[in-house]
């Protein structure tokens, strides 16, 4: 619901801006519908391949931050960060907080929020499966169970030793967590 409202507001702002810039007084509704469809396709793809946007509570954010034992020199990443609320919660505690999001409306909303939030927080547009996480100290994940296995196969082997991975709700079934607290799981990459 929140994503839809955010998307509609951003879309209206963009459409009004385009109209004003080109002096257009009327725009064919097919163009508007096409624009909206093109803007939501990446988010639909992400929802089915990784997980839909489901915001966590502030209490859960605190629990995830606590279990990660964040340090001031950590570089952290939130995979599928939605509107960036977790990235903004963690940013004051670390060197750099990065969030990746593929849903255009959520990415734009997070990017706009980042203007008014910590300079240590960065929202990036991109598919979480095509990024380099080798310099991350902590990775936060809240994905569907199938995506957790994909993370284990595709991303886990490329992480540097010592990387902490904090998972919300769904475990990585082939790994044993170092610590567990109310369905928040901490994994630590060891030297292979």
N, C-alpha and C. Protein backbone atom coordinates (compact mmCIF):
# COMPACT_ATOMS: atom_id res chain seq x y z
N UNK A 1 0.82 -1.19 0.00
CA UNK A 1 0.00 0.00 0.00
C UNK A 1 0.87 1.26 0.00
N UNK A 2 1.84 1.30 0.91
CA UNK A 2 2.71 2.48 1.00
C UNK A 2 3.46 2.69 -0.31
N UNK A 3 3.93 1.59 -0.92
CA UNK A 3 4.66 1.70 -2.18
C UNK A 3 3.76 2.31 -3.25
N UNK A 4 2.50 1.92 -3.29
CA UNK A 4 1.57 2.44 -4.31
C UNK A 4 1.36 3.94 -4.14
N UNK A 5 1.14 4.38 -2.91
CA UNK A 5 0.92 5.80 -2.65
C UNK A 5 2.16 6.60 -3.01
N UNK A 6 3.31 6.11 -2.59
CA UNK A 6 4.57 6.78 -2.90
C UNK A 6 4.76 6.88 -4.41
N UNK A 7 4.51 5.76 -5.09
CA UNK A 7 4.68 5.74 -6.54
C UNK A 7 3.75 6.74 -7.23
N UNK A 8 2.50 6.77 -6.82
CA UNK A 8 1.54 7.69 -7.43
C UNK A 8 1.97 9.13 -7.23
N UNK A 9 2.41 9.48 -6.03
CA UNK A 9 2.85 10.85 -5.77
C UNK A 9 4.07 11.22 -6.60
N UNK A 10 5.05 10.34 -6.63
CA UNK A 10 6.25 10.61 -7.43
C UNK A 10 5.90 10.70 -8.91
N UNK A 11 5.05 9.80 -9.38
CA UNK A 11 4.64 9.82 -10.79
C UNK A 11 3.95 11.12 -11.14
N UNK A 12 3.05 11.58 -10.29
CA UNK A 12 2.35 12.83 -10.56
C UNK A 12 3.33 14.01 -10.61
N UNK A 13 4.28 14.02 -9.70
CA UNK A 13 5.28 15.10 -9.70
C UNK A 13 6.09 15.07 -10.99
N UNK A 14 6.50 13.90 -11.41
CA UNK A 14 7.28 13.77 -12.66
C UNK A 14 6.45 14.17 -13.86
N UNK A 15 5.22 13.71 -13.91
CA UNK A 15 4.34 14.04 -15.06
C UNK A 15 4.07 15.54 -15.12
N UNK A 16 3.78 16.16 -13.99
CA UNK A 16 3.55 17.60 -13.96
C UNK A 16 4.82 18.34 -14.39
N UNK A 17 5.99 17.86 -13.94
CA UNK A 17 7.25 18.47 -14.34
C UNK A 17 7.48 18.39 -15.85
N UNK A 18 7.20 17.22 -16.41
CA UNK A 18 7.35 17.04 -17.87
C UNK A 18 6.40 17.97 -18.61
N UNK A 19 5.16 18.01 -18.17
CA UNK A 19 4.17 18.89 -18.82
C UNK A 19 4.61 20.34 -18.76
N UNK A 20 5.06 20.77 -17.60
CA UNK A 20 5.48 22.17 -17.44
C UNK A 20 6.72 22.48 -18.28
N UNK A 21 7.66 21.54 -18.32
CA UNK A 21 8.90 21.76 -19.07
C UNK A 21 8.67 21.91 -20.56
N UNK A 22 7.74 21.16 -21.07
CA UNK A 22 7.49 21.19 -22.52
C UNK A 22 6.26 21.99 -22.90
N UNK A 23 5.60 22.62 -21.95
CA UNK A 23 4.42 23.43 -22.24
C UNK A 23 3.26 22.60 -22.77
N UNK A 24 3.22 21.34 -22.41
CA UNK A 24 2.15 20.47 -22.88
C UNK A 24 0.94 20.65 -21.97
N UNK A 25 -0.20 20.89 -22.57
CA UNK A 25 -1.41 21.10 -21.78
C UNK A 25 -2.23 19.82 -21.66
N UNK A 26 -1.95 18.85 -22.49
CA UNK A 26 -2.70 17.60 -22.41
C UNK A 26 -1.76 16.47 -22.81
N UNK A 27 -1.83 15.37 -22.09
CA UNK A 27 -0.97 14.23 -22.37
C UNK A 27 -1.85 13.00 -22.57
N UNK A 28 -1.56 12.26 -23.59
CA UNK A 28 -2.32 11.05 -23.91
C UNK A 28 -2.25 10.08 -22.72
N UNK A 29 -3.39 9.60 -22.21
CA UNK A 29 -3.40 8.67 -21.07
C UNK A 29 -2.59 7.39 -21.33
N UNK A 30 -2.45 6.98 -22.58
CA UNK A 30 -1.67 5.78 -22.88
C UNK A 30 -0.20 5.99 -22.53
N UNK A 31 0.29 7.20 -22.69
CA UNK A 31 1.68 7.50 -22.32
C UNK A 31 1.84 7.40 -20.80
N UNK A 32 0.88 7.94 -20.07
CA UNK A 32 0.93 7.88 -18.61
C UNK A 32 0.88 6.43 -18.14
N UNK A 33 -0.02 5.65 -18.69
CA UNK A 33 -0.14 4.24 -18.30
C UNK A 33 1.13 3.47 -18.64
N UNK A 34 1.70 3.73 -19.80
CA UNK A 34 2.95 3.07 -20.20
C UNK A 34 4.07 3.44 -19.23
N UNK A 35 4.16 4.71 -18.88
CA UNK A 35 5.18 5.18 -17.94
C UNK A 35 5.03 4.46 -16.60
N UNK A 36 3.81 4.41 -16.10
CA UNK A 36 3.56 3.76 -14.81
C UNK A 36 3.92 2.28 -14.88
N UNK A 37 3.54 1.59 -15.94
CA UNK A 37 3.84 0.16 -16.08
C UNK A 37 5.36 -0.07 -16.13
N UNK A 38 6.06 0.74 -16.88
CA UNK A 38 7.51 0.59 -16.97
C UNK A 38 8.19 0.85 -15.62
N UNK A 39 7.61 1.75 -14.85
CA UNK A 39 8.20 2.07 -13.55
C UNK A 39 7.96 1.00 -12.49
N UNK A 40 6.87 0.24 -12.61
CA UNK A 40 6.59 -0.75 -11.57
C UNK A 40 7.10 -2.15 -11.91
N UNK A 41 7.47 -2.39 -13.16
CA UNK A 41 7.94 -3.74 -13.55
C UNK A 41 9.15 -4.19 -12.74
N UNK A 42 10.20 -3.37 -12.53
CA UNK A 42 11.33 -3.85 -11.72
C UNK A 42 10.92 -4.23 -10.30
N UNK A 43 10.01 -3.49 -9.70
CA UNK A 43 9.54 -3.79 -8.35
C UNK A 43 8.77 -5.10 -8.30
N UNK A 44 7.97 -5.37 -9.32
CA UNK A 44 7.24 -6.63 -9.39
C UNK A 44 8.23 -7.78 -9.54
N UNK A 45 9.23 -7.60 -10.40
CA UNK A 45 10.27 -8.61 -10.59
C UNK A 45 10.97 -8.89 -9.25
N UNK A 46 11.35 -7.83 -8.54
CA UNK A 46 12.04 -7.99 -7.26
C UNK A 46 11.16 -8.69 -6.23
N UNK A 47 9.88 -8.36 -6.22
CA UNK A 47 8.97 -8.98 -5.25
C UNK A 47 8.89 -10.49 -5.45
N UNK A 48 8.91 -10.92 -6.70
CA UNK A 48 8.81 -12.35 -6.98
C UNK A 48 10.14 -13.08 -6.89
N UNK A 49 11.25 -12.40 -7.16
CA UNK A 49 12.55 -13.08 -7.14
C UNK A 49 13.30 -12.96 -5.82
N UNK A 50 12.93 -12.00 -5.00
CA UNK A 50 13.63 -11.80 -3.72
C UNK A 50 12.65 -11.72 -2.55
N UNK A 51 11.69 -10.86 -2.71
CA UNK A 51 10.69 -10.68 -1.66
C UNK A 51 10.01 -9.34 -1.82
N UNK A 52 8.75 -9.25 -1.38
CA UNK A 52 8.03 -7.98 -1.47
C UNK A 52 8.49 -7.02 -0.38
N UNK A 53 8.11 -5.78 -0.52
CA UNK A 53 8.41 -4.76 0.48
C UNK A 53 7.53 -5.00 1.70
N UNK A 54 8.15 -5.40 2.80
CA UNK A 54 7.46 -5.62 4.07
C UNK A 54 8.30 -4.89 5.13
N UNK A 55 7.88 -3.71 5.54
CA UNK A 55 8.67 -2.95 6.51
C UNK A 55 8.75 -3.66 7.86
N UNK A 56 9.89 -3.56 8.50
CA UNK A 56 10.09 -4.09 9.85
C UNK A 56 9.85 -2.97 10.85
N UNK A 57 9.50 -3.36 12.05
CA UNK A 57 9.26 -2.38 13.11
C UNK A 57 10.58 -1.78 13.61
N UNK A 58 10.48 -0.67 14.31
CA UNK A 58 11.66 -0.04 14.90
C UNK A 58 12.29 -0.98 15.94
N UNK A 59 11.44 -1.72 16.63
CA UNK A 59 11.93 -2.68 17.62
C UNK A 59 12.78 -3.75 16.92
N UNK A 60 12.32 -4.22 15.77
CA UNK A 60 13.07 -5.23 15.01
C UNK A 60 14.37 -4.64 14.48
N UNK A 61 14.35 -3.38 14.02
CA UNK A 61 15.57 -2.71 13.56
C UNK A 61 16.60 -2.69 14.68
N UNK A 62 16.15 -2.31 15.87
CA UNK A 62 17.07 -2.24 17.01
C UNK A 62 17.65 -3.62 17.32
N UNK A 63 16.81 -4.63 17.26
CA UNK A 63 17.26 -6.00 17.53
C UNK A 63 18.31 -6.43 16.49
N UNK A 64 18.09 -6.10 15.23
CA UNK A 64 19.03 -6.45 14.18
C UNK A 64 20.36 -5.71 14.35
N UNK A 65 20.27 -4.44 14.70
CA UNK A 65 21.47 -3.64 14.93
C UNK A 65 22.24 -4.18 16.14
N UNK A 66 21.52 -4.51 17.20
CA UNK A 66 22.17 -5.03 18.41
C UNK A 66 22.87 -6.36 18.14
N UNK A 67 22.21 -7.27 17.44
CA UNK A 67 22.80 -8.60 17.19
C UNK A 67 24.02 -8.50 16.27
N UNK A 68 24.04 -7.48 15.41
CA UNK A 68 25.18 -7.29 14.49
C UNK A 68 26.40 -6.73 15.19
N UNK A 69 26.21 -6.12 16.36
CA UNK A 69 27.30 -5.49 17.09
C UNK A 69 28.08 -4.54 16.18
N UNK A 70 27.36 -3.57 15.63
CA UNK A 70 27.95 -2.61 14.69
C UNK A 70 29.07 -1.82 15.33
N UNK A 71 30.08 -1.54 14.50
CA UNK A 71 31.24 -0.74 14.94
C UNK A 71 31.31 0.52 14.09
N UNK A 72 31.89 1.59 14.61
CA UNK A 72 31.95 2.85 13.87
C UNK A 72 32.67 2.76 12.52
N UNK A 73 33.55 1.79 12.33
CA UNK A 73 34.26 1.69 11.04
C UNK A 73 33.64 0.66 10.10
N UNK A 74 32.46 0.13 10.44
CA UNK A 74 31.79 -0.85 9.58
C UNK A 74 31.18 -0.21 8.34
N UNK A 75 31.22 -0.95 7.27
CA UNK A 75 30.46 -0.62 6.05
C UNK A 75 29.37 -1.68 5.97
N UNK A 76 28.12 -1.22 5.96
CA UNK A 76 27.01 -2.17 5.98
C UNK A 76 26.16 -2.04 4.72
N UNK A 77 25.39 -3.09 4.46
CA UNK A 77 24.53 -3.09 3.29
C UNK A 77 23.21 -3.77 3.62
N UNK A 78 22.13 -3.18 3.18
CA UNK A 78 20.80 -3.76 3.33
C UNK A 78 20.34 -4.18 1.93
N UNK A 79 20.14 -5.48 1.75
CA UNK A 79 19.74 -6.00 0.44
C UNK A 79 18.23 -5.91 0.30
N UNK A 80 17.77 -5.18 -0.70
CA UNK A 80 16.34 -4.96 -0.86
C UNK A 80 15.85 -4.01 0.22
N UNK A 81 16.41 -2.82 0.24
CA UNK A 81 16.22 -1.89 1.36
C UNK A 81 14.86 -1.20 1.38
N UNK A 82 14.03 -1.41 0.38
CA UNK A 82 12.73 -0.73 0.35
C UNK A 82 12.91 0.76 0.32
N UNK A 83 12.27 1.45 1.24
CA UNK A 83 12.36 2.91 1.27
C UNK A 83 13.56 3.41 2.08
N UNK A 84 14.42 2.48 2.52
CA UNK A 84 15.66 2.86 3.19
C UNK A 84 15.58 3.06 4.68
N UNK A 85 14.43 2.79 5.28
CA UNK A 85 14.28 3.09 6.71
C UNK A 85 15.32 2.38 7.59
N UNK A 86 15.68 1.14 7.26
CA UNK A 86 16.71 0.46 8.06
C UNK A 86 18.08 1.08 7.83
N UNK A 87 18.38 1.42 6.60
CA UNK A 87 19.66 2.06 6.26
C UNK A 87 19.81 3.35 7.06
N UNK A 88 18.73 4.12 7.15
CA UNK A 88 18.78 5.38 7.89
C UNK A 88 18.90 5.14 9.40
N UNK A 89 18.33 4.05 9.89
CA UNK A 89 18.45 3.71 11.32
C UNK A 89 19.89 3.35 11.68
N UNK A 90 20.56 2.62 10.81
CA UNK A 90 21.91 2.12 11.09
C UNK A 90 23.01 3.14 10.76
N UNK A 91 22.76 4.04 9.84
CA UNK A 91 23.80 4.96 9.35
C UNK A 91 24.54 5.74 10.43
N UNK A 92 23.87 6.26 11.44
CA UNK A 92 24.62 7.04 12.45
C UNK A 92 25.64 6.21 13.23
N UNK A 93 25.51 4.89 13.18
CA UNK A 93 26.36 4.01 13.98
C UNK A 93 27.58 3.47 13.24
N UNK A 94 27.65 3.70 11.92
CA UNK A 94 28.68 3.08 11.10
C UNK A 94 29.37 4.09 10.20
N UNK A 95 30.41 3.62 9.53
CA UNK A 95 31.15 4.47 8.57
C UNK A 95 30.30 4.77 7.34
N UNK A 96 29.63 3.74 6.81
CA UNK A 96 28.81 3.89 5.61
C UNK A 96 27.69 2.86 5.63
N UNK A 97 26.47 3.28 5.28
CA UNK A 97 25.32 2.39 5.20
C UNK A 97 24.75 2.49 3.78
N UNK A 98 24.70 1.36 3.10
CA UNK A 98 24.25 1.31 1.71
C UNK A 98 23.04 0.40 1.62
N UNK A 99 22.06 0.81 0.85
CA UNK A 99 20.90 -0.02 0.60
C UNK A 99 20.67 -0.16 -0.89
N UNK A 100 20.36 -1.36 -1.34
CA UNK A 100 20.04 -1.60 -2.74
C UNK A 100 18.56 -1.87 -2.88
N UNK A 101 17.94 -1.26 -3.87
CA UNK A 101 16.52 -1.46 -4.14
C UNK A 101 16.26 -1.46 -5.63
N UNK A 102 15.38 -2.36 -6.07
CA UNK A 102 15.05 -2.47 -7.49
C UNK A 102 13.69 -1.86 -7.83
N UNK A 103 12.85 -1.67 -6.84
CA UNK A 103 11.55 -1.05 -7.09
C UNK A 103 11.78 0.45 -7.29
N UNK A 104 11.44 0.95 -8.46
CA UNK A 104 11.69 2.36 -8.78
C UNK A 104 10.99 3.31 -7.81
N UNK A 105 9.70 3.10 -7.49
CA UNK A 105 9.06 4.03 -6.54
C UNK A 105 9.73 4.03 -5.16
N UNK A 106 10.06 2.85 -4.66
CA UNK A 106 10.72 2.79 -3.35
C UNK A 106 12.12 3.39 -3.41
N UNK A 107 12.85 3.11 -4.48
CA UNK A 107 14.18 3.68 -4.65
C UNK A 107 14.10 5.22 -4.66
N UNK A 108 13.18 5.77 -5.45
CA UNK A 108 13.05 7.22 -5.53
C UNK A 108 12.66 7.83 -4.19
N UNK A 109 11.74 7.17 -3.51
CA UNK A 109 11.33 7.66 -2.20
C UNK A 109 12.50 7.63 -1.22
N UNK A 110 13.24 6.53 -1.21
CA UNK A 110 14.42 6.43 -0.34
C UNK A 110 15.48 7.45 -0.70
N UNK A 111 15.68 7.66 -1.99
CA UNK A 111 16.67 8.64 -2.45
C UNK A 111 16.29 10.05 -2.00
N UNK A 112 15.00 10.37 -2.12
CA UNK A 112 14.54 11.69 -1.66
C UNK A 112 14.73 11.82 -0.16
N UNK A 113 14.38 10.77 0.60
CA UNK A 113 14.58 10.81 2.06
C UNK A 113 16.05 10.97 2.42
N UNK A 114 16.93 10.38 1.61
CA UNK A 114 18.37 10.43 1.92
C UNK A 114 18.92 11.86 1.86
N UNK A 115 18.26 12.73 1.14
CA UNK A 115 18.68 14.13 1.08
C UNK A 115 18.60 14.76 2.47
N UNK A 116 17.60 14.34 3.25
CA UNK A 116 17.35 14.93 4.56
C UNK A 116 17.91 14.10 5.71
N UNK A 117 18.51 12.95 5.39
CA UNK A 117 19.02 12.06 6.43
C UNK A 117 20.55 12.12 6.46
N UNK A 118 21.14 11.15 7.09
CA UNK A 118 22.60 11.08 7.27
C UNK A 118 23.35 11.01 5.95
N UNK A 119 24.47 11.71 5.87
CA UNK A 119 25.32 11.64 4.69
C UNK A 119 26.01 10.28 4.59
N UNK A 120 26.00 9.54 5.67
CA UNK A 120 26.60 8.21 5.66
C UNK A 120 25.66 7.16 5.08
N UNK A 121 24.43 7.55 4.77
CA UNK A 121 23.44 6.62 4.19
C UNK A 121 23.34 6.85 2.69
N UNK A 122 23.32 5.75 1.95
CA UNK A 122 23.23 5.85 0.49
C UNK A 122 22.26 4.79 -0.03
N UNK A 123 21.29 5.23 -0.80
CA UNK A 123 20.32 4.33 -1.43
C UNK A 123 20.72 4.20 -2.89
N UNK A 124 20.92 2.96 -3.33
CA UNK A 124 21.34 2.71 -4.72
C UNK A 124 20.28 1.89 -5.44
N UNK A 125 20.08 2.21 -6.70
CA UNK A 125 19.17 1.44 -7.54
C UNK A 125 19.94 0.26 -8.12
N UNK A 126 19.43 -0.94 -7.94
CA UNK A 126 20.10 -2.08 -8.53
C UNK A 126 19.55 -3.40 -8.04
N UNK A 127 19.78 -4.40 -8.86
CA UNK A 127 19.40 -5.76 -8.55
C UNK A 127 20.39 -6.31 -7.52
N UNK A 128 19.89 -6.80 -6.39
CA UNK A 128 20.78 -7.26 -5.31
C UNK A 128 21.67 -8.41 -5.75
N UNK A 129 21.29 -9.15 -6.77
CA UNK A 129 22.08 -10.31 -7.19
C UNK A 129 23.25 -9.92 -8.08
N UNK A 130 23.34 -8.67 -8.51
CA UNK A 130 24.40 -8.24 -9.43
C UNK A 130 25.36 -7.24 -8.80
N UNK A 131 25.50 -7.25 -7.49
CA UNK A 131 26.35 -6.28 -6.80
C UNK A 131 27.58 -6.97 -6.21
N UNK A 132 28.58 -6.17 -5.90
CA UNK A 132 29.80 -6.66 -5.27
C UNK A 132 29.75 -6.30 -3.78
N UNK A 133 29.69 -7.31 -2.94
CA UNK A 133 29.61 -7.10 -1.50
C UNK A 133 30.92 -7.45 -0.80
N UNK A 134 31.99 -7.60 -1.54
CA UNK A 134 33.25 -8.08 -0.98
C UNK A 134 33.88 -7.13 0.04
N UNK A 135 33.49 -5.85 0.04
CA UNK A 135 34.06 -4.92 1.02
C UNK A 135 33.12 -4.64 2.19
N UNK A 136 32.00 -5.35 2.25
CA UNK A 136 31.03 -5.13 3.32
C UNK A 136 31.46 -5.83 4.60
N UNK A 137 31.21 -5.17 5.71
CA UNK A 137 31.48 -5.77 7.02
C UNK A 137 30.23 -6.46 7.56
N UNK A 138 29.07 -5.88 7.26
CA UNK A 138 27.80 -6.45 7.72
C UNK A 138 26.78 -6.34 6.58
N UNK A 139 26.03 -7.41 6.38
CA UNK A 139 24.95 -7.42 5.39
C UNK A 139 23.67 -7.78 6.12
N UNK A 140 22.64 -7.00 5.87
CA UNK A 140 21.32 -7.24 6.45
C UNK A 140 20.39 -7.75 5.34
N UNK A 141 19.65 -8.81 5.67
CA UNK A 141 18.78 -9.43 4.67
C UNK A 141 17.42 -9.75 5.28
N UNK A 142 16.37 -9.44 4.50
CA UNK A 142 15.01 -9.84 4.85
C UNK A 142 14.37 -10.28 3.54
N UNK A 143 14.67 -11.52 3.14
CA UNK A 143 14.21 -12.06 1.87
C UNK A 143 13.39 -13.33 2.11
N UNK A 144 12.73 -13.78 1.08
CA UNK A 144 11.96 -15.02 1.14
C UNK A 144 12.90 -16.22 1.27
N UNK A 145 12.41 -17.37 1.79
CA UNK A 145 13.28 -18.54 1.99
C UNK A 145 14.05 -18.99 0.74
N UNK A 146 13.43 -19.01 -0.41
CA UNK A 146 14.15 -19.39 -1.64
C UNK A 146 15.27 -18.43 -1.97
N UNK A 147 15.05 -17.16 -1.70
CA UNK A 147 16.07 -16.15 -1.95
C UNK A 147 17.21 -16.26 -0.95
N UNK A 148 16.92 -16.75 0.24
CA UNK A 148 17.98 -16.96 1.23
C UNK A 148 18.94 -18.03 0.72
N UNK A 149 18.41 -19.06 0.09
CA UNK A 149 19.26 -20.11 -0.47
C UNK A 149 20.07 -19.58 -1.65
N UNK A 150 19.45 -18.72 -2.44
CA UNK A 150 20.16 -18.11 -3.56
C UNK A 150 21.30 -17.23 -3.03
N UNK A 151 21.04 -16.50 -1.96
CA UNK A 151 22.09 -15.70 -1.32
C UNK A 151 23.25 -16.61 -0.91
N UNK A 152 22.93 -17.73 -0.29
CA UNK A 152 23.97 -18.66 0.18
C UNK A 152 24.80 -19.19 -0.99
N UNK A 153 24.16 -19.50 -2.09
CA UNK A 153 24.88 -20.04 -3.26
C UNK A 153 25.65 -18.97 -4.02
N UNK A 154 25.04 -17.81 -4.19
CA UNK A 154 25.61 -16.81 -5.09
C UNK A 154 26.47 -15.74 -4.40
N UNK A 155 26.07 -15.29 -3.22
CA UNK A 155 26.76 -14.18 -2.56
C UNK A 155 27.70 -14.65 -1.46
N UNK A 156 27.26 -15.57 -0.63
CA UNK A 156 28.05 -16.02 0.52
C UNK A 156 29.49 -16.39 0.16
N UNK A 157 29.74 -17.16 -0.90
CA UNK A 157 31.12 -17.54 -1.22
C UNK A 157 32.04 -16.34 -1.54
N UNK A 158 31.47 -15.22 -1.95
CA UNK A 158 32.25 -14.06 -2.35
C UNK A 158 32.51 -13.08 -1.20
N UNK A 159 31.94 -13.35 -0.03
CA UNK A 159 32.12 -12.44 1.11
C UNK A 159 33.50 -12.63 1.72
N UNK A 160 34.04 -11.55 2.27
CA UNK A 160 35.35 -11.64 2.92
C UNK A 160 35.19 -12.33 4.28
N UNK A 161 36.22 -13.00 4.74
CA UNK A 161 36.16 -13.63 6.07
C UNK A 161 35.87 -12.56 7.15
N UNK A 162 35.01 -12.93 8.07
CA UNK A 162 34.63 -12.02 9.14
C UNK A 162 33.35 -11.25 8.87
N UNK A 163 32.86 -11.28 7.63
CA UNK A 163 31.61 -10.59 7.32
C UNK A 163 30.48 -11.16 8.16
N UNK A 164 29.72 -10.25 8.76
CA UNK A 164 28.56 -10.67 9.54
C UNK A 164 27.31 -10.49 8.68
N UNK A 165 26.45 -11.50 8.69
CA UNK A 165 25.21 -11.45 7.93
C UNK A 165 24.06 -11.59 8.93
N UNK A 166 23.20 -10.58 8.94
CA UNK A 166 22.06 -10.58 9.84
C UNK A 166 20.80 -10.80 9.01
N UNK A 167 20.07 -11.84 9.38
CA UNK A 167 18.90 -12.24 8.62
C UNK A 167 17.65 -12.06 9.47
N UNK A 168 16.66 -11.42 8.90
CA UNK A 168 15.39 -11.19 9.56
C UNK A 168 14.38 -12.25 9.09
N UNK A 169 13.84 -13.01 10.01
CA UNK A 169 12.72 -13.94 9.81
C UNK A 169 13.09 -15.31 9.25
N UNK A 170 13.77 -15.40 8.13
CA UNK A 170 14.02 -16.68 7.48
C UNK A 170 15.50 -17.05 7.54
N UNK A 171 15.80 -18.24 8.03
CA UNK A 171 17.18 -18.69 8.16
C UNK A 171 17.79 -19.07 6.81
N UNK A 172 19.13 -19.08 6.79
CA UNK A 172 19.86 -19.68 5.68
C UNK A 172 20.00 -21.13 6.08
N UNK A 173 19.26 -22.01 5.43
CA UNK A 173 19.13 -23.36 5.94
C UNK A 173 20.40 -24.18 5.92
N UNK A 174 21.38 -23.86 5.10
CA UNK A 174 22.63 -24.63 5.05
C UNK A 174 23.71 -24.11 6.00
N UNK A 175 23.38 -23.08 6.78
CA UNK A 175 24.35 -22.52 7.72
C UNK A 175 23.79 -22.54 9.13
N UNK A 176 24.68 -22.64 10.09
CA UNK A 176 24.27 -22.59 11.49
C UNK A 176 24.52 -21.17 11.99
N UNK A 177 23.48 -20.51 12.53
CA UNK A 177 23.68 -19.15 13.04
C UNK A 177 24.60 -19.13 14.25
N UNK A 178 25.38 -18.06 14.35
CA UNK A 178 26.26 -17.85 15.49
C UNK A 178 25.42 -17.42 16.70
N UNK A 179 24.35 -16.67 16.40
CA UNK A 179 23.48 -16.15 17.44
C UNK A 179 22.07 -16.01 16.88
N UNK A 180 21.07 -16.23 17.73
CA UNK A 180 19.67 -16.11 17.34
C UNK A 180 18.92 -15.36 18.42
N UNK A 181 18.05 -14.44 17.99
CA UNK A 181 17.20 -13.72 18.93
C UNK A 181 15.88 -13.39 18.25
N UNK A 182 14.82 -14.01 18.70
CA UNK A 182 13.47 -13.77 18.19
C UNK A 182 13.40 -13.71 16.65
N UNK A 183 13.80 -14.75 16.01
CA UNK A 183 13.77 -14.86 14.54
C UNK A 183 14.68 -13.85 13.83
N UNK A 184 15.72 -13.41 14.50
CA UNK A 184 16.80 -12.65 13.88
C UNK A 184 18.04 -13.53 14.05
N UNK A 185 18.70 -13.80 12.93
CA UNK A 185 19.81 -14.75 12.92
C UNK A 185 21.10 -14.05 12.50
N UNK A 186 22.17 -14.32 13.23
CA UNK A 186 23.48 -13.77 12.90
C UNK A 186 24.38 -14.92 12.40
N UNK A 187 24.96 -14.70 11.21
CA UNK A 187 25.91 -15.63 10.63
C UNK A 187 27.23 -14.89 10.47
N UNK A 188 28.32 -15.62 10.57
CA UNK A 188 29.63 -15.00 10.39
C UNK A 188 30.44 -15.83 9.40
N UNK A 189 30.95 -15.18 8.39
CA UNK A 189 31.76 -15.83 7.36
C UNK A 189 33.11 -16.16 7.95
N UNK A 190 33.44 -17.45 7.94
CA UNK A 190 34.75 -17.87 8.46
C UNK A 190 35.75 -18.00 7.32
N UNK A 191 36.98 -18.22 7.66
CA UNK A 191 38.02 -18.45 6.65
C UNK A 191 37.80 -19.84 6.10
N UNK A 192 37.60 -19.92 4.79
CA UNK A 192 37.35 -21.23 4.15
C UNK A 192 38.58 -22.03 3.95
